[in-house]
Each structure stands twice: as C-alpha cells, then as structure tokens.
Amino acid sequence: MNTPTIAYDIIGDIAVIKPIPRPQANSTKSARKIIEANRHVRTVLRQTTPVSGEHRTRDLEWILGEKKTETVHREHGCQFKVDVAKVYFSPRLLHERIRVARKVVPHETVINMFAGVGCFSIIIAKHSQASGVFSIDISPEATRYAFENVCLNKVAGRVSTILGDSKTIIELHLRARADRVLMPLPARAIEYMDAAIEALKPKLGNIHVYDFVHARNGESPLQKTFDRIASRLSQFELSVVQSGARIVRTIGPNWYQTVVDITLEKMSRTNL
C-alpha cells in the first residue's frame, strides 16, 4: 500500500503540514522527512482545522523542532514577519503577488482591500513606481504585522497600513482615490465589488478580483467567475475596457482559486 504524499507549505523556517482526511499515526516521522529535505526548516506544525472566520485563521499543533509560530518569510527581495497561528499567510501566492506588482504603472495609487500582513502592498511598493498604496485589513494582528513589515522593508513613505473593514474605510476616506484596487480575499471579494468601484477614480480604473469557484468536468472556472462578476457590474454605469483571467491554483477536487483583471470606465451621463 502506497504511503500518501504529505502536502505542506514552508513559511520562513516553519513547515506547515496541510490537513489530510485521516492524519497519519506517525506525524513525527513525516516531520523529520520534511526537515531532512529542507535544511533551513526549524519547526514543523500540523494544520488541524480549515482556515475560517473573519480573520482567516486556523488551528495548528506542534510536531517537531522549535516550539514557535512566528517567523520571517522572504519573497521577491522582501521580508515578511508573520505568526502563522494568528494571521493568514500563503506562500503559494508568490507568483501572483509579483505578477500584479508588474502591472502597476508609475504614479498609480493602489488600494489593497484585504491586505493581511502586507505582502501584495509591500511587493508593489518595492517593485513598481506606485505613488502610494493603502493597505487595509480588518484583523488587528495582521495589521500590526503589516505595520512592522512596512518598516522592515523601508516603504513607510509609500504604504499606509489601515485597520478596519475596507468597505467602511473606502466609504469614509478613500472614495475616488484609486487607479488600481486589489481584492485578494476570494471568499468575500465579489461581495465587496461595490466598494471597489467606489474607490476608483472618475475615469479608468483597474480591479483584480479573486474568487473561489467550483467547476465540474466540461465547465470553465474562469467563465463562472466572469459570470459572477458581470452580475455585480450590471448594477453600475460601467464599461469594461479590458479583461483577463487566470486560474491561480487548484484548491481541491473541482475547486479553483481564480483571478479576473478588469479595466473599467465609469460612463458619463452624456454617453448613456
């Protein structure tokens, strides 16, 4: 009988074994194999619950190595201090973070509506000539780490960390301020489309919308995401100037994380 492959993420010097339907009896043996294969790993944890709740956290148990949950993760020349037990962090989005950063043109103002510990925001600041990034998150712990990471990466003059619900923050302080809006929270992004549109400047603006979608054989996950977004956009006086989509990753049988990049133009009354 073949031993099932153990899936795990490496965040800094911590490895997190992903949930499996039937946990192996000898998790310590698996942890030793992970450390042997990844010499810089000093701690192995096992995820025991799914990511859930408003702050997107999960339960973890210590398996082997140093008993800690805080580490520093390095990615694209940036450093991110993170406590994997207190905040959400996925190293699997490293290609997506730099992809979006490379789309930012000089002097853009960017609003990141679900910023977490600041990865997208800081990578944009380090790898583009954006004039400023508003980095919003509802989690006090994530925002605290985002502030530390902004200082750690020396982008304090260009990234503003804001604690609060992004919809409320935009309505009160950031209407018509953004050239580009990021929505990297697939479970809630489409629900928050109204606020993202409010955040855009009067003419052209870009939105990156992330989604979780189920698609059976023969169905297109990208088309299903497009349809969900189109349903929300139909409520507004908008023209889609340009759009593109990609599957970010597979997250389960017939389940996908997708992203749609759209450029929108707010239609004036004279064009209606």
C-alpha atoms as a PDB file:
ATOM      1  CA  MET A   1       0.000   0.000   0.000  1.00  0.00           C
ATOM      2  CA  ASN A   2       1.448   3.366  -1.038  1.00  0.00           C
ATOM      3  CA  THR A   3       2.009   5.982   1.654  1.00  0.00           C
ATOM      4  CA  PRO A   4       0.041   9.141   0.790  1.00  0.00           C
ATOM      5  CA  THR A   5       2.101  12.180  -0.170  1.00  0.00           C
ATOM      6  CA  ILE A   6       2.234  14.752   2.587  1.00  0.00           C
ATOM      7  CA  ALA A   7       1.344  18.265   1.407  1.00  0.00           C
ATOM      8  CA  TYR A   8       2.967  21.120   3.277  1.00  0.00           C
ATOM      9  CA  ASP A   9       3.828  24.803   2.980  1.00  0.00           C
ATOM     10  CA  ILE A  10       7.107  26.376   4.034  1.00  0.00           C
ATOM     11  CA  ILE A  11       6.782  29.840   5.551  1.00  0.00           C
ATOM     12  CA  GLY A  12      10.158  31.218   6.581  1.00  0.00           C
ATOM     13  CA  ASP A  13      11.736  28.449   8.665  1.00  0.00           C
ATOM     14  CA  ILE A  14       8.385  26.863   9.582  1.00  0.00           C
ATOM     15  CA  ALA A  15       6.771  23.986   7.680  1.00  0.00           C
ATOM     16  CA  VAL A  16       3.008  23.577   7.992  1.00  0.00           C
ATOM     17  CA  ILE A  17       1.598  20.164   7.093  1.00  0.00           C
ATOM     18  CA  LYS A  18      -1.729  20.622   5.333  1.00  0.00           C
ATOM     19  CA  PRO A  19      -4.878  18.867   6.600  1.00  0.00           C
ATOM     20  CA  ILE A  20      -5.475  15.352   5.289  1.00  0.00           C
ATOM     21  CA  PRO A  21      -8.678  13.293   5.712  1.00  0.00           C
ATOM     22  CA  ARG A  22      -7.018  10.767   8.036  1.00  0.00           C
ATOM     23  CA  PRO A  23      -3.992  12.121   9.915  1.00  0.00           C
ATOM     24  CA  GLN A  24      -1.055   9.760   9.827  1.00  0.00           C
ATOM     25  CA  ALA A  25      -0.270   7.974  13.059  1.00  0.00           C
ATOM     26  CA  ASN A  26       3.393   8.948  12.866  1.00  0.00           C
ATOM     27  CA  SER A  27       3.407  12.691  12.194  1.00  0.00           C
ATOM     28  CA  THR A  28       6.872  12.931  13.756  1.00  0.00           C
ATOM     29  CA  LYS A  29       8.316  10.654  11.071  1.00  0.00           C
ATOM     30  CA  SER A  30       6.804  12.854   8.360  1.00  0.00           C
ATOM     31  CA  ALA A  31       8.159  15.969  10.087  1.00  0.00           C
ATOM     32  CA  ARG A  32      11.678  14.504  10.157  1.00  0.00           C
ATOM     33  CA  LYS A  33      11.477  13.839   6.422  1.00  0.00           C
ATOM     34  CA  ILE A  34      10.429  17.443   5.812  1.00  0.00           C
ATOM     35  CA  ILE A  35      13.379  18.780   7.812  1.00  0.00           C
ATOM     36  CA  GLU A  36      15.794  16.423   6.025  1.00  0.00           C
ATOM     37  CA  ALA A  37      14.544  17.694   2.667  1.00  0.00           C
ATOM     38  CA  ASN A  38      14.542  21.369   3.727  1.00  0.00           C
ATOM     39  CA  ARG A  39      17.591  22.056   5.876  1.00  0.00           C
ATOM     40  CA  HIS A  40      16.546  25.613   6.766  1.00  0.00           C
ATOM     41  CA  VAL A  41      13.267  24.434   8.372  1.00  0.00           C
ATOM     42  CA  ARG A  42      13.482  24.603  12.173  1.00  0.00           C
ATOM     43  CA  THR A  43       9.836  23.938  13.120  1.00  0.00           C
ATOM     44  CA  VAL A  44       7.143  21.612  11.802  1.00  0.00           C
ATOM     45  CA  LEU A  45       3.473  22.260  12.624  1.00  0.00           C
ATOM     46  CA  ARG A  46       0.334  20.446  11.500  1.00  0.00           C
ATOM     47  CA  GLN A  47      -2.821  22.276  10.499  1.00  0.00           C
ATOM     48  CA  THR A  48      -5.747  20.695  12.339  1.00  0.00           C
ATOM     49  CA  THR A  49      -8.659  22.863  11.169  1.00  0.00           C
ATOM     50  CA  PRO A  50      -9.540  24.649   7.923  1.00  0.00           C
ATOM     51  CA  VAL A  51      -8.881  28.363   7.534  1.00  0.00           C
ATOM     52  CA  SER A  52     -12.043  30.041   8.822  1.00  0.00           C
ATOM     53  CA  GLY A  53     -13.544  33.091  10.482  1.00  0.00           C
ATOM     54  CA  GLU A  54     -13.359  36.783   9.715  1.00  0.00           C
ATOM     55  CA  HIS A  55      -9.601  36.847  10.359  1.00  0.00           C
ATOM     56  CA  ARG A  56      -8.896  33.685   8.291  1.00  0.00           C
ATOM     57  CA  THR A  57      -7.022  31.771  10.987  1.00  0.00           C
ATOM     58  CA  ARG A  58      -6.519  28.041  11.594  1.00  0.00           C
ATOM     59  CA  ASP A  59      -5.565  25.760  14.471  1.00  0.00           C
ATOM     60  CA  LEU A  60      -2.048  24.330  14.469  1.00  0.00           C
ATOM     61  CA  GLU A  61      -0.301  21.719  16.556  1.00  0.00           C
ATOM     62  CA  TRP A  62       3.444  21.475  17.131  1.00  0.00           C
ATOM     63  CA  ILE A  63       5.076  18.316  15.763  1.00  0.00           C
ATOM     64  CA  LEU A  64       8.856  18.770  15.763  1.00  0.00           C
ATOM     65  CA  GLY A  65      11.651  21.305  16.201  1.00  0.00           C
ATOM     66  CA  GLU A  66      11.470  24.685  17.904  1.00  0.00           C
ATOM     67  CA  LYS A  67       8.158  25.408  19.609  1.00  0.00           C
ATOM     68  CA  LYS A  68       7.213  28.634  17.858  1.00  0.00           C
ATOM     69  CA  THR A  69       4.723  30.031  15.370  1.00  0.00           C
ATOM     70  CA  GLU A  70       6.430  33.321  14.415  1.00  0.00           C
ATOM     71  CA  THR A  71       8.936  33.527  11.580  1.00  0.00           C
ATOM     72  CA  VAL A  72      10.285  35.796   8.838  1.00  0.00           C
ATOM     73  CA  HIS A  73       9.408  34.782   5.288  1.00  0.00           C
ATOM     74  CA  ARG A  74      11.453  36.094   2.351  1.00  0.00           C
ATOM     75  CA  GLU A  75       9.978  36.624  -1.089  1.00  0.00           C
ATOM     76  CA  HIS A  76      10.932  38.767  -4.112  1.00  0.00           C
ATOM     77  CA  GLY A  77      13.565  40.672  -2.117  1.00  0.00           C
ATOM     78  CA  CYS A  78      11.107  41.481   0.690  1.00  0.00           C
ATOM     79  CA  GLN A  79      10.832  40.203   4.259  1.00  0.00           C
ATOM     80  CA  PHE A  80       7.551  39.399   5.979  1.00  0.00           C
ATOM     81  CA  LYS A  81       7.324  38.813   9.696  1.00  0.00           C
ATOM     82  CA  VAL A  82       4.311  36.608  10.416  1.00  0.00           C
ATOM     83  CA  ASP A  83       2.778  34.482  13.139  1.00  0.00           C
ATOM     84  CA  VAL A  84       1.185  31.566  11.301  1.00  0.00           C
ATOM     85  CA  ALA A  85      -1.145  30.842  14.243  1.00  0.00           C
ATOM     86  CA  LYS A  86      -2.549  34.379  14.410  1.00  0.00           C
ATOM     87  CA  VAL A  87      -2.824  35.553  10.787  1.00  0.00           C
ATOM     88  CA  TYR A  88      -3.431  34.165   7.307  1.00  0.00           C
ATOM     89  CA  PHE A  89      -0.410  33.736   5.068  1.00  0.00           C
ATOM     90  CA  SER A  90       0.050  31.669   1.901  1.00  0.00           C
ATOM     91  CA  PRO A  91       3.468  31.232   0.259  1.00  0.00           C
ATOM     92  CA  ARG A  92       1.625  29.734  -2.726  1.00  0.00           C
ATOM     93  CA  LEU A  93       0.701  33.224  -3.975  1.00  0.00           C
ATOM     94  CA  LEU A  94       4.290  34.414  -4.548  1.00  0.00           C
ATOM     95  CA  HIS A  95       3.952  34.347  -8.362  1.00  0.00           C
ATOM     96  CA  GLU A  96       0.595  36.112  -8.194  1.00  0.00           C
ATOM     97  CA  ARG A  97       1.988  38.884  -5.975  1.00  0.00           C
ATOM     98  CA  ILE A  98       4.816  39.750  -8.360  1.00  0.00           C
ATOM     99  CA  ARG A  99       2.509  39.405 -11.393  1.00  0.00           C
ATOM    100  CA  VAL A 100       0.188  42.078 -10.045  1.00  0.00           C
ATOM    101  CA  ALA A 101       3.091  44.311  -8.969  1.00  0.00           C
ATOM    102  CA  ARG A 102       4.426  44.292 -12.534  1.00  0.00           C
ATOM    103  CA  LYS A 103       1.092  45.573 -13.839  1.00  0.00           C
ATOM    104  CA  VAL A 104       1.281  48.735 -11.729  1.00  0.00           C
ATOM    105  CA  VAL A 105       2.343  51.734 -13.813  1.00  0.00           C
ATOM    106  CA  PRO A 106       4.247  54.778 -12.468  1.00  0.00           C
ATOM    107  CA  HIS A 107       2.349  57.173 -10.218  1.00  0.00           C
ATOM    108  CA  GLU A 108      -0.660  54.917  -9.643  1.00  0.00           C
ATOM    109  CA  THR A 109      -2.496  54.962  -6.331  1.00  0.00           C
ATOM    110  CA  VAL A 110      -3.331  51.416  -5.219  1.00  0.00           C
ATOM    111  CA  ILE A 111      -5.880  50.270  -2.639  1.00  0.00           C
ATOM    112  CA  ASN A 112      -5.474  46.758  -1.248  1.00  0.00           C
ATOM    113  CA  MET A 113      -8.810  45.921   0.363  1.00  0.00           C
ATOM    114  CA  PHE A 114      -7.731  42.691   2.093  1.00  0.00           C
ATOM    115  CA  ALA A 115      -4.060  43.244   2.794  1.00  0.00           C
ATOM    116  CA  GLY A 116      -3.221  40.734   5.530  1.00  0.00           C
ATOM    117  CA  VAL A 117       0.379  41.201   6.679  1.00  0.00           C
ATOM    118  CA  GLY A 118       1.067  43.439   3.687  1.00  0.00           C
ATOM    119  CA  CYS A 119       2.593  41.099   1.089  1.00  0.00           C
ATOM    120  CA  PHE A 120       0.891  42.431  -2.058  1.00  0.00           C
ATOM    121  CA  SER A 121       1.178  46.019  -0.816  1.00  0.00           C
ATOM    122  CA  ILE A 122       4.888  45.881   0.030  1.00  0.00           C
ATOM    123  CA  ILE A 123       5.874  43.956  -3.101  1.00  0.00           C
ATOM    124  CA  ILE A 124       4.049  46.577  -5.181  1.00  0.00           C
ATOM    125  CA  ALA A 125       5.910  49.353  -3.352  1.00  0.00           C
ATOM    126  CA  LYS A 126       9.265  47.628  -3.873  1.00  0.00           C
ATOM    127  CA  HIS A 127       8.778  46.551  -7.487  1.00  0.00           C
ATOM    128  CA  SER A 128       6.846  49.432  -9.036  1.00  0.00           C
ATOM    129  CA  GLN A 129       6.746  53.207  -9.075  1.00  0.00           C
ATOM    130  CA  ALA A 130       3.316  53.470  -7.479  1.00  0.00           C
ATOM    131  CA  SER A 131       2.844  56.803  -5.753  1.00  0.00           C
ATOM    132  CA  GLY A 132       1.140  55.158  -2.785  1.00  0.00           C
ATOM    133  CA  VAL A 133      -0.551  52.016  -1.507  1.00  0.00           C
ATOM    134  CA  PHE A 134      -3.398  51.990   1.024  1.00  0.00           C
ATOM    135  CA  SER A 135      -3.142  48.615   2.776  1.00  0.00           C
ATOM    136  CA  ILE A 136      -6.377  47.748   4.634  1.00  0.00           C
ATOM    137  CA  ASP A 137      -7.254  44.757   6.790  1.00  0.00           C
ATOM    138  CA  ILE A 138      -9.871  44.033   9.442  1.00  0.00           C
ATOM    139  CA  SER A 139      -7.576  41.868  11.587  1.00  0.00           C
ATOM    140  CA  PRO A 140      -5.705  43.758  14.346  1.00  0.00           C
ATOM    141  CA  GLU A 141      -2.956  41.104  14.375  1.00  0.00           C
ATOM    142  CA  ALA A 142      -2.486  41.198  10.596  1.00  0.00           C
ATOM    143  CA  THR A 143      -2.419  44.988  10.605  1.00  0.00           C
ATOM    144  CA  ARG A 144       0.162  45.023  13.397  1.00  0.00           C
ATOM    145  CA  TYR A 145       2.403  42.710  11.410  1.00  0.00           C
ATOM    146  CA  ALA A 146       1.772  44.730   8.234  1.00  0.00           C
ATOM    147  CA  PHE A 147       2.989  47.873  10.022  1.00  0.00           C
ATOM    148  CA  GLU A 148       6.120  46.028  11.181  1.00  0.00           C
ATOM    149  CA  ASN A 149       6.702  44.716   7.672  1.00  0.00           C
ATOM    150  CA  VAL A 150       6.341  48.154   6.131  1.00  0.00           C
ATOM    151  CA  CYS A 151       9.094  49.368   8.457  1.00  0.00           C
ATOM    152  CA  LEU A 152      11.185  46.235   7.915  1.00  0.00           C
ATOM    153  CA  ASN A 153      11.106  46.770   4.142  1.00  0.00           C
ATOM    154  CA  LYS A 154      11.643  50.539   4.353  1.00  0.00           C
ATOM    155  CA  VAL A 155       8.482  51.527   2.432  1.00  0.00           C
ATOM    156  CA  ALA A 156       6.844  53.607   5.171  1.00  0.00           C
ATOM    157  CA  GLY A 157       6.603  56.624   2.893  1.00  0.00           C
ATOM    158  CA  ARG A 158       4.631  54.717   0.266  1.00  0.00           C
ATOM    159  CA  VAL A 159       2.484  52.135   2.088  1.00  0.00           C
ATOM    160  CA  SER A 160      -0.167  53.203   4.607  1.00  0.00           C
ATOM    161  CA  THR A 161      -1.479  50.424   6.875  1.00  0.00           C
ATOM    162  CA  ILE A 162      -5.116  50.864   7.928  1.00  0.00           C
ATOM    163  CA  LEU A 163      -7.087  48.759  10.405  1.00  0.00           C
ATOM    164  CA  GLY A 164     -10.764  48.327   9.622  1.00  0.00           C
ATOM    165  CA  ASP A 165     -13.391  46.953   7.259  1.00  0.00           C
ATOM    166  CA  SER A 166     -12.332  48.012   3.766  1.00  0.00           C
ATOM    167  CA  LYS A 167     -15.881  48.850   2.696  1.00  0.00           C
ATOM    168  CA  THR A 168     -16.257  51.299   5.593  1.00  0.00           C
ATOM    169  CA  ILE A 169     -12.771  52.766   5.145  1.00  0.00           C
ATOM    170  CA  ILE A 170     -13.414  53.429   1.458  1.00  0.00           C
ATOM    171  CA  GLU A 171     -16.832  54.981   2.059  1.00  0.00           C
ATOM    172  CA  LEU A 172     -15.463  57.324   4.725  1.00  0.00           C
ATOM    173  CA  HIS A 173     -11.984  58.177   3.445  1.00  0.00           C
ATOM    174  CA  LEU A 174     -10.967  56.706   0.085  1.00  0.00           C
ATOM    175  CA  ARG A 175     -13.715  57.339  -2.437  1.00  0.00           C
ATOM    176  CA  ALA A 176     -12.426  58.038  -5.971  1.00  0.00           C
ATOM    177  CA  ARG A 177      -8.784  57.756  -4.851  1.00  0.00           C
ATOM    178  CA  ALA A 178      -7.539  54.614  -6.614  1.00  0.00           C
ATOM    179  CA  ASP A 179      -6.166  53.817 -10.045  1.00  0.00           C
ATOM    180  CA  ARG A 180      -5.998  50.145  -9.061  1.00  0.00           C
ATOM    181  CA  VAL A 181      -7.855  48.073  -6.451  1.00  0.00           C
ATOM    182  CA  LEU A 182      -6.761  44.653  -5.193  1.00  0.00           C
ATOM    183  CA  MET A 183      -9.282  42.193  -3.745  1.00  0.00           C
ATOM    184  CA  PRO A 184      -7.179  39.155  -2.697  1.00  0.00           C
ATOM    185  CA  LEU A 185      -9.835  37.570  -0.485  1.00  0.00           C
ATOM    186  CA  PRO A 186     -11.643  35.047  -2.711  1.00  0.00           C
ATOM    187  CA  ALA A 187     -14.346  34.262  -0.163  1.00  0.00           C
ATOM    188  CA  ARG A 188     -15.549  37.882   0.039  1.00  0.00           C
ATOM    189  CA  ALA A 189     -14.212  39.804  -2.967  1.00  0.00           C
ATOM    190  CA  ILE A 190     -17.282  39.771  -5.217  1.00  0.00           C
ATOM    191  CA  GLU A 191     -19.445  40.728  -2.245  1.00  0.00           C
ATOM    192  CA  TYR A 192     -17.274  43.863  -1.862  1.00  0.00           C
ATOM    193  CA  MET A 193     -17.344  44.908  -5.544  1.00  0.00           C
ATOM    194  CA  ASP A 194     -19.496  47.965  -4.780  1.00  0.00           C
ATOM    195  CA  ALA A 195     -16.802  49.396  -2.507  1.00  0.00           C
ATOM    196  CA  ALA A 196     -14.035  48.632  -5.014  1.00  0.00           C
ATOM    197  CA  ILE A 197     -15.904  50.556  -7.709  1.00  0.00           C
ATOM    198  CA  GLU A 198     -16.466  53.468  -5.307  1.00  0.00           C
ATOM    199  CA  ALA A 199     -12.711  53.555  -4.686  1.00  0.00           C
ATOM    200  CA  LEU A 200     -11.842  54.058  -8.370  1.00  0.00           C
ATOM    201  CA  LYS A 201     -11.066  57.472  -9.801  1.00  0.00           C
ATOM    202  CA  PRO A 202     -13.710  59.010 -12.103  1.00  0.00           C
ATOM    203  CA  LYS A 203     -12.388  57.652 -15.422  1.00  0.00           C
ATOM    204  CA  LEU A 204     -10.394  54.464 -15.981  1.00  0.00           C
ATOM    205  CA  GLY A 205      -9.548  52.104 -13.167  1.00  0.00           C
ATOM    206  CA  ASN A 206      -8.286  48.568 -12.645  1.00  0.00           C
ATOM    207  CA  ILE A 207      -9.620  45.912 -10.274  1.00  0.00           C
ATOM    208  CA  HIS A 208      -8.106  42.499  -9.513  1.00  0.00           C
ATOM    209  CA  VAL A 209     -10.910  40.242  -8.261  1.00  0.00           C
ATOM    210  CA  TYR A 210     -10.117  36.870  -6.678  1.00  0.00           C
ATOM    211  CA  ASP A 211     -12.684  34.105  -6.359  1.00  0.00           C
ATOM    212  CA  PHE A 212     -13.184  30.511  -5.238  1.00  0.00           C
ATOM    213  CA  VAL A 213     -15.223  28.595  -7.777  1.00  0.00           C
ATOM    214  CA  HIS A 214     -16.443  25.022  -8.251  1.00  0.00           C
ATOM    215  CA  ALA A 215     -16.379  23.721 -11.821  1.00  0.00           C
ATOM    216  CA  ARG A 216     -17.314  20.213 -12.911  1.00  0.00           C
ATOM    217  CA  ASN A 217     -15.880  18.476 -15.960  1.00  0.00           C
ATOM    218  CA  GLY A 218     -16.772  20.494 -19.030  1.00  0.00           C
ATOM    219  CA  GLU A 219     -17.338  23.707 -17.051  1.00  0.00           C
ATOM    220  CA  SER A 220     -14.912  26.634 -17.188  1.00  0.00           C
ATOM    221  CA  PRO A 221     -13.956  28.017 -13.758  1.00  0.00           C
ATOM    222  CA  LEU A 222     -12.873  31.257 -15.414  1.00  0.00           C
ATOM    223  CA  GLN A 223     -16.213  31.699 -17.187  1.00  0.00           C
ATOM    224  CA  LYS A 224     -18.064  31.016 -13.945  1.00  0.00           C
ATOM    225  CA  THR A 225     -16.054  33.737 -12.199  1.00  0.00           C
ATOM    226  CA  PHE A 226     -16.647  36.140 -15.109  1.00  0.00           C
ATOM    227  CA  ASP A 227     -20.386  35.495 -14.875  1.00  0.00           C
ATOM    228  CA  ARG A 228     -20.430  36.188 -11.123  1.00  0.00           C
ATOM    229  CA  ILE A 229     -18.564  39.463 -11.610  1.00  0.00           C
ATOM    230  CA  ALA A 230     -20.699  40.514 -14.592  1.00  0.00           C
ATOM    231  CA  SER A 231     -23.801  40.080 -12.468  1.00  0.00           C
ATOM    232  CA  ARG A 232     -22.456  42.617  -9.958  1.00  0.00           C
ATOM    233  CA  LEU A 233     -21.147  45.039 -12.598  1.00  0.00           C
ATOM    234  CA  SER A 234     -24.541  45.166 -14.306  1.00  0.00           C
ATOM    235  CA  GLN A 235     -25.805  47.273 -11.393  1.00  0.00           C
ATOM    236  CA  PHE A 236     -23.415  50.103 -12.268  1.00  0.00           C
ATOM    237  CA  GLU A 237     -22.944  52.513 -15.159  1.00  0.00           C
ATOM    238  CA  LEU A 238     -19.658  50.975 -16.264  1.00  0.00           C
ATOM    239  CA  SER A 239     -17.951  49.871 -19.422  1.00  0.00           C
ATOM    240  CA  VAL A 240     -15.433  47.013 -19.364  1.00  0.00           C
ATOM    241  CA  VAL A 241     -12.500  48.289 -21.417  1.00  0.00           C
ATOM    242  CA  GLN A 242     -10.268  45.264 -20.941  1.00  0.00           C
ATOM    243  CA  SER A 243     -10.343  41.996 -19.042  1.00  0.00           C
ATOM    244  CA  GLY A 244      -8.294  38.873 -18.487  1.00  0.00           C
ATOM    245  CA  ALA A 245      -8.433  35.895 -16.176  1.00  0.00           C
ATOM    246  CA  ARG A 246      -6.313  33.044 -14.935  1.00  0.00           C
ATOM    247  CA  ILE A 247      -6.512  30.093 -12.584  1.00  0.00           C
ATOM    248  CA  VAL A 248      -4.240  30.918  -9.656  1.00  0.00           C
ATOM    249  CA  ARG A 249      -4.240  27.398  -8.218  1.00  0.00           C
ATOM    250  CA  THR A 250      -6.320  24.298  -7.644  1.00  0.00           C
ATOM    251  CA  ILE A 251      -7.558  24.123  -4.040  1.00  0.00           C
ATOM    252  CA  GLY A 252      -9.440  20.811  -4.081  1.00  0.00           C
ATOM    253  CA  PRO A 253     -11.294  18.389  -6.358  1.00  0.00           C
ATOM    254  CA  ASN A 254     -13.060  20.610  -8.933  1.00  0.00           C
ATOM    255  CA  TRP A 255     -12.349  23.705  -6.803  1.00  0.00           C
ATOM    256  CA  TYR A 256     -10.213  26.584  -8.081  1.00  0.00           C
ATOM    257  CA  GLN A 257      -8.890  29.942  -6.995  1.00  0.00           C
ATOM    258  CA  THR A 258      -9.249  32.335  -9.910  1.00  0.00           C
ATOM    259  CA  VAL A 259      -8.432  35.959 -10.589  1.00  0.00           C
ATOM    260  CA  VAL A 260     -10.011  38.358 -13.053  1.00  0.00           C
ATOM    261  CA  ASP A 261      -8.166  41.556 -14.009  1.00  0.00           C
ATOM    262  CA  ILE A 262     -10.578  44.167 -15.316  1.00  0.00           C
ATOM    263  CA  THR A 263     -10.165  47.719 -16.548  1.00  0.00           C
ATOM    264  CA  LEU A 264     -13.345  49.719 -16.076  1.00  0.00           C
ATOM    265  CA  GLU A 265     -14.524  53.051 -17.379  1.00  0.00           C
ATOM    266  CA  LYS A 266     -17.179  54.955 -15.474  1.00  0.00           C
ATOM    267  CA  MET A 267     -19.692  56.077 -18.073  1.00  0.00           C
ATOM    268  CA  SER A 268     -20.742  59.704 -18.045  1.00  0.00           C
ATOM    269  CA  ARG A 269     -24.409  60.653 -18.362  1.00  0.00           C
ATOM    270  CA  THR A 270     -23.762  62.053 -21.846  1.00  0.00           C
ATOM    271  CA  ASN A 271     -22.631  58.607 -23.037  1.00  0.00           C
ATOM    272  CA  LEU A 272     -25.754  56.800 -21.809  1.00  0.00           C
END
